C-alpha atoms as a PDB file:
ATOM      1  CA  UNK A   1       0.052   0.015   0.075  1.00  0.00           C
ATOM      2  CA  UNK A   2       2.845   2.357   0.722  1.00  0.00           C
ATOM      3  CA  UNK A   3       4.208   1.750  -2.563  1.00  0.00           C
ATOM      4  CA  UNK A   4       0.845   2.823  -4.378  1.00  0.00           C
ATOM      5  CA  UNK A   5       0.426   5.823  -2.378  1.00  0.00           C
ATOM      6  CA  UNK A   6       4.044   6.828  -3.378  1.00  0.00           C
ATOM      7  CA  UNK A   7       3.099   6.248  -6.804  1.00  0.00           C
ATOM      8  CA  UNK A   8       0.100   8.707  -6.154  1.00  0.00           C
ATOM      9  CA  UNK A   9       1.914  11.254  -4.719  1.00  0.00           C
ATOM     10  CA  UNK A  10       4.491  10.687  -7.705  1.00  0.00           C
ATOM     11  CA  UNK A  11       1.805  11.384 -10.056  1.00  0.00           C
ATOM     12  CA  UNK A  12       0.453  14.639  -8.076  1.00  0.00           C
ATOM     13  CA  UNK A  13       2.979  15.881  -5.419  1.00  0.00           C
ATOM     14  CA  UNK A  14       0.261  18.546  -4.170  1.00  0.00           C
ATOM     15  CA  UNK A  15      -2.343  15.908  -2.803  1.00  0.00           C
ATOM     16  CA  UNK A  16      -2.642  16.065   0.876  1.00  0.00           C
ATOM     17  CA  UNK A  17      -2.335  12.636   2.681  1.00  0.00           C
ATOM     18  CA  UNK A  18      -6.285  13.006   3.491  1.00  0.00           C
ATOM     19  CA  UNK A  19      -6.688  13.187  -0.474  1.00  0.00           C
ATOM     20  CA  UNK A  20      -4.134  10.342  -1.219  1.00  0.00           C
ATOM     21  CA  UNK A  21      -6.099   7.911   1.179  1.00  0.00           C
ATOM     22  CA  UNK A  22      -9.306   8.946  -0.351  1.00  0.00           C
ATOM     23  CA  UNK A  23      -7.941   8.112  -3.864  1.00  0.00           C
ATOM     24  CA  UNK A  24      -6.617   4.716  -2.939  1.00  0.00           C
ATOM     25  CA  UNK A  25     -10.141   3.928  -1.059  1.00  0.00           C
ATOM     26  CA  UNK A  26     -12.677   4.893  -3.785  1.00  0.00           C
ATOM     27  CA  UNK A  27     -10.482   3.228  -6.292  1.00  0.00           C
ATOM     28  CA  UNK A  28      -9.890  -0.040  -5.057  1.00  0.00           C
ATOM     29  CA  UNK A  29     -11.942  -3.062  -6.015  1.00  0.00           C
ATOM     30  CA  UNK A  30     -14.523  -3.558  -3.664  1.00  0.00           C
ATOM     31  CA  UNK A  31     -14.063  -7.177  -1.717  1.00  0.00           C
ATOM     32  CA  UNK A  32     -16.550  -8.884   0.853  1.00  0.00           C
ATOM     33  CA  UNK A  33     -19.513  -6.752   2.286  1.00  0.00           C
ATOM     34  CA  UNK A  34     -19.966  -3.687   0.227  1.00  0.00           C
ATOM     35  CA  UNK A  35     -17.984  -0.797   1.265  1.00  0.00           C
ATOM     36  CA  UNK A  36     -15.214  -0.609   4.197  1.00  0.00           C
ATOM     37  CA  UNK A  37     -15.402  -3.893   6.267  1.00  0.00           C
ATOM     38  CA  UNK A  38     -13.098  -5.044   9.052  1.00  0.00           C
ATOM     39  CA  UNK A  39     -11.978  -8.478   6.746  1.00  0.00           C
ATOM     40  CA  UNK A  40     -11.166  -6.501   3.659  1.00  0.00           C
ATOM     41  CA  UNK A  41     -10.816  -2.848   4.612  1.00  0.00           C
ATOM     42  CA  UNK A  42     -11.689  -0.693   1.391  1.00  0.00           C
ATOM     43  CA  UNK A  43     -10.835  -4.083  -0.893  1.00  0.00           C
ATOM     44  CA  UNK A  44      -8.112  -4.370  -3.285  1.00  0.00           C
ATOM     45  CA  UNK A  45      -5.946  -1.802  -4.789  1.00  0.00           C
ATOM     46  CA  UNK A  46      -6.146  -0.372  -8.230  1.00  0.00           C
ATOM     47  CA  UNK A  47      -2.889   1.166  -8.440  1.00  0.00           C
ATOM     48  CA  UNK A  48      -3.633   2.147 -12.322  1.00  0.00           C
ATOM     49  CA  UNK A  49      -7.136   3.708 -11.122  1.00  0.00           C
ATOM     50  CA  UNK A  50      -5.491   5.666  -8.415  1.00  0.00           C
ATOM     51  CA  UNK A  51      -2.683   7.275 -10.493  1.00  0.00           C
ATOM     52  CA  UNK A  52      -5.267   7.878 -12.981  1.00  0.00           C
ATOM     53  CA  UNK A  53      -7.245   9.978 -10.816  1.00  0.00           C
ATOM     54  CA  UNK A  54      -4.414  11.882  -8.966  1.00  0.00           C
ATOM     55  CA  UNK A  55      -3.431  12.997 -12.718  1.00  0.00           C
ATOM     56  CA  UNK A  56      -7.064  14.098 -13.391  1.00  0.00           C
ATOM     57  CA  UNK A  57      -7.060  16.017 -10.192  1.00  0.00           C
ATOM     58  CA  UNK A  58      -3.810  17.545 -10.865  1.00  0.00           C
ATOM     59  CA  UNK A  59      -5.162  18.165 -14.349  1.00  0.00           C
ATOM     60  CA  UNK A  60      -8.420  19.878 -12.859  1.00  0.00           C
ATOM     61  CA  UNK A  61     -10.288  17.528 -14.389  1.00  0.00           C
ATOM     62  CA  UNK A  62     -12.019  16.440 -11.286  1.00  0.00           C
END
């Protein structure tokens, strides 16, 4: 997870830690119960989608 967070920050160094966390949880593949759950957390990390969202935020698209 730390590696993917670093990728997200490298794609957009202006993001805050909270924004990176929101991007990571919002782009994860949901596993188990819908939404956050104690077994799977936010799900399976989707590095590609997270980096793309960080770039889009940096470009003002989101």
